[in-house]
Protein backbone atom coordinates (compact mmCIF):
# COMPACT_ATOMS: atom_id res chain seq x y z
CA MET A 1 1.38 -9.15 -15.79
CA GLN A 2 -0.50 -7.32 -13.23
CA GLY A 3 -4.22 -7.07 -13.67
CA ILE A 4 -6.21 -3.73 -13.66
CA THR A 5 -6.64 -1.44 -10.72
CA LEU A 6 -10.07 0.12 -11.15
CA LEU A 7 -10.57 3.66 -9.62
CA VAL A 8 -14.13 4.80 -8.94
CA GLU A 9 -13.71 8.54 -8.78
CA ASP A 10 -16.01 11.32 -10.00
CA ASN A 11 -13.51 14.04 -9.43
CA ASP A 12 -11.14 14.47 -12.56
CA GLU A 13 -8.20 16.18 -10.67
CA LEU A 14 -8.29 13.52 -7.89
CA ALA A 15 -8.35 10.71 -10.49
CA GLN A 16 -5.47 12.20 -12.18
CA PHE A 17 -3.65 12.46 -8.80
CA TYR A 18 -4.53 8.98 -7.92
CA ARG A 19 -3.49 7.48 -11.32
CA LEU A 20 -0.09 9.20 -11.49
CA ASN A 21 0.79 8.30 -8.02
CA LEU A 22 -0.30 4.43 -8.42
CA LYS A 23 1.45 4.14 -11.65
CA VAL A 24 4.85 5.65 -10.29
CA TRP A 25 4.92 4.00 -6.93
CA VAL A 26 3.19 0.68 -7.40
CA GLY A 27 3.27 0.29 -11.36
CA ALA A 28 -0.47 -0.10 -11.20
CA ASN A 29 -2.42 -0.43 -14.40
CA VAL A 30 -5.16 2.08 -13.66
CA LYS A 31 -8.34 2.42 -15.33
CA ARG A 32 -11.17 4.94 -14.18
CA VAL A 33 -14.88 5.01 -14.07
CA SER A 34 -16.83 7.97 -12.79
CA SER A 35 -20.06 6.51 -11.84
CA ILE A 36 -21.62 3.44 -10.47
CA LYS A 37 -23.30 2.62 -13.93
CA GLY A 38 -19.70 2.81 -15.31
CA LEU A 39 -18.48 0.35 -12.73
CA GLU A 40 -21.34 -2.08 -13.37
CA LYS A 41 -20.49 -1.86 -17.07
CA PHE A 42 -16.72 -2.37 -16.56
CA VAL A 43 -16.96 -5.21 -14.23
CA GLN A 44 -19.25 -7.30 -16.49
CA GLN A 45 -16.88 -6.55 -19.64
CA GLU A 46 -13.44 -6.94 -17.90
CA GLU A 47 -12.23 -10.18 -16.15
CA ASN A 48 -8.62 -8.89 -15.26
CA ILE A 49 -9.48 -6.66 -12.07
CA ASP A 50 -7.24 -7.08 -9.24
CA LEU A 51 -8.17 -3.99 -7.26
CA ILE A 52 -11.00 -1.45 -6.88
CA ILE A 53 -10.54 1.84 -5.16
CA SER A 54 -13.45 4.02 -4.36
CA LYS A 55 -14.19 6.83 -2.05
CA SER A 56 -16.61 6.19 0.83
CA THR A 57 -19.71 7.50 -0.88
CA PHE A 58 -19.43 4.76 -3.63
CA SER A 59 -18.17 1.98 -1.37
CA PRO A 60 -21.37 0.41 -0.28
CA ILE A 61 -22.54 0.18 -3.72
CA VAL A 62 -19.20 -1.07 -4.95
CA GLN A 63 -19.42 -3.91 -2.21
CA LYS A 64 -22.96 -4.74 -3.65
CA VAL A 65 -21.78 -4.95 -7.16
CA LEU A 66 -18.93 -7.17 -6.23
CA GLU A 67 -21.34 -9.34 -4.14
CA LEU A 68 -23.94 -9.58 -6.83
CA ASP A 69 -21.47 -10.28 -9.67
CA SER A 70 -19.63 -12.91 -7.51
CA LEU A 71 -16.44 -11.00 -7.56
CA SER A 72 -15.61 -11.08 -3.98
CA ASN A 73 -11.94 -12.32 -5.00
CA ILE A 74 -11.25 -8.62 -6.09
CA ALA A 75 -9.59 -6.48 -3.36
CA HIS A 76 -11.36 -3.18 -2.57
CA ILE A 77 -9.72 -0.03 -0.98
CA ASP A 78 -12.18 2.43 0.64
CA ILE A 79 -11.17 6.08 0.96
CA GLY A 80 -12.58 7.94 3.97
CA THR A 81 -14.25 5.20 6.02
CA LYS A 82 -12.69 4.08 9.27
CA ASN A 83 -14.68 1.05 9.89
CA PHE A 84 -14.67 -0.53 6.57
CA GLU A 85 -14.06 -4.41 6.45
CA GLY A 86 -11.54 -4.44 3.57
CA TYR A 87 -8.62 -2.11 3.03
CA SER A 88 -9.14 1.47 4.04
CA VAL A 89 -7.39 4.72 4.29
CA GLU A 90 -8.89 7.78 6.15
CA SER A 91 -7.95 10.48 3.45
CA GLY A 92 -7.29 10.11 -0.22
CA LEU A 93 -5.10 13.33 -0.15
CA ASP A 94 -2.64 11.43 2.24
CA ILE A 95 -1.16 9.50 -0.64
CA LYS A 96 1.31 7.47 1.34
CA PRO A 97 -1.22 5.25 3.27
CA LEU A 98 -3.13 4.73 -0.12
CA ILE A 99 -0.06 3.63 -1.99
CA GLN A 100 0.84 1.31 1.10
CA SER A 101 -2.62 -0.27 0.96
CA CYS A 102 -2.40 -0.79 -2.83
CA ALA A 103 0.95 -2.21 -2.67
CA LYS A 104 -0.16 -4.68 -0.04
CA ALA A 105 -3.54 -5.58 -1.94
CA LEU A 106 -1.62 -6.23 -5.21
CA GLY A 107 1.26 -8.07 -3.50
CA VAL A 108 3.78 -5.50 -4.58
C-alpha cells in the first residue's frame, strides 16, 4: 500500500485541485496541512509519509523540519522554485509537470 502524500498548502481551492488530480492520475493518498505548525505535528505523529509537496514559501521550512526530525528519506516537491535541490515544478497551476514529478517520486 502506498504511503501518504502530504500537501502543505494554505489555499483551500488549490489544495482541492491538487488533491483531486493527485488521486485521479497517481492514485496518491493525499493528506493536507495548511501551516508549518500543522506540518510539524503531522510528521511527529505519522510514520507512513512518502512525499511532501509544498509551495516555495513553505519549502525552506519543510526542508528544516525534515532535517531536524531525521526524515531525509521523504521525497519533497517544491512548487515555484527553479533551483530547488529535490523535485521542483515552476507553477502549481500547470498540473502535468506536478503529476509527473509526483509519479516519479512515488515510483508510479
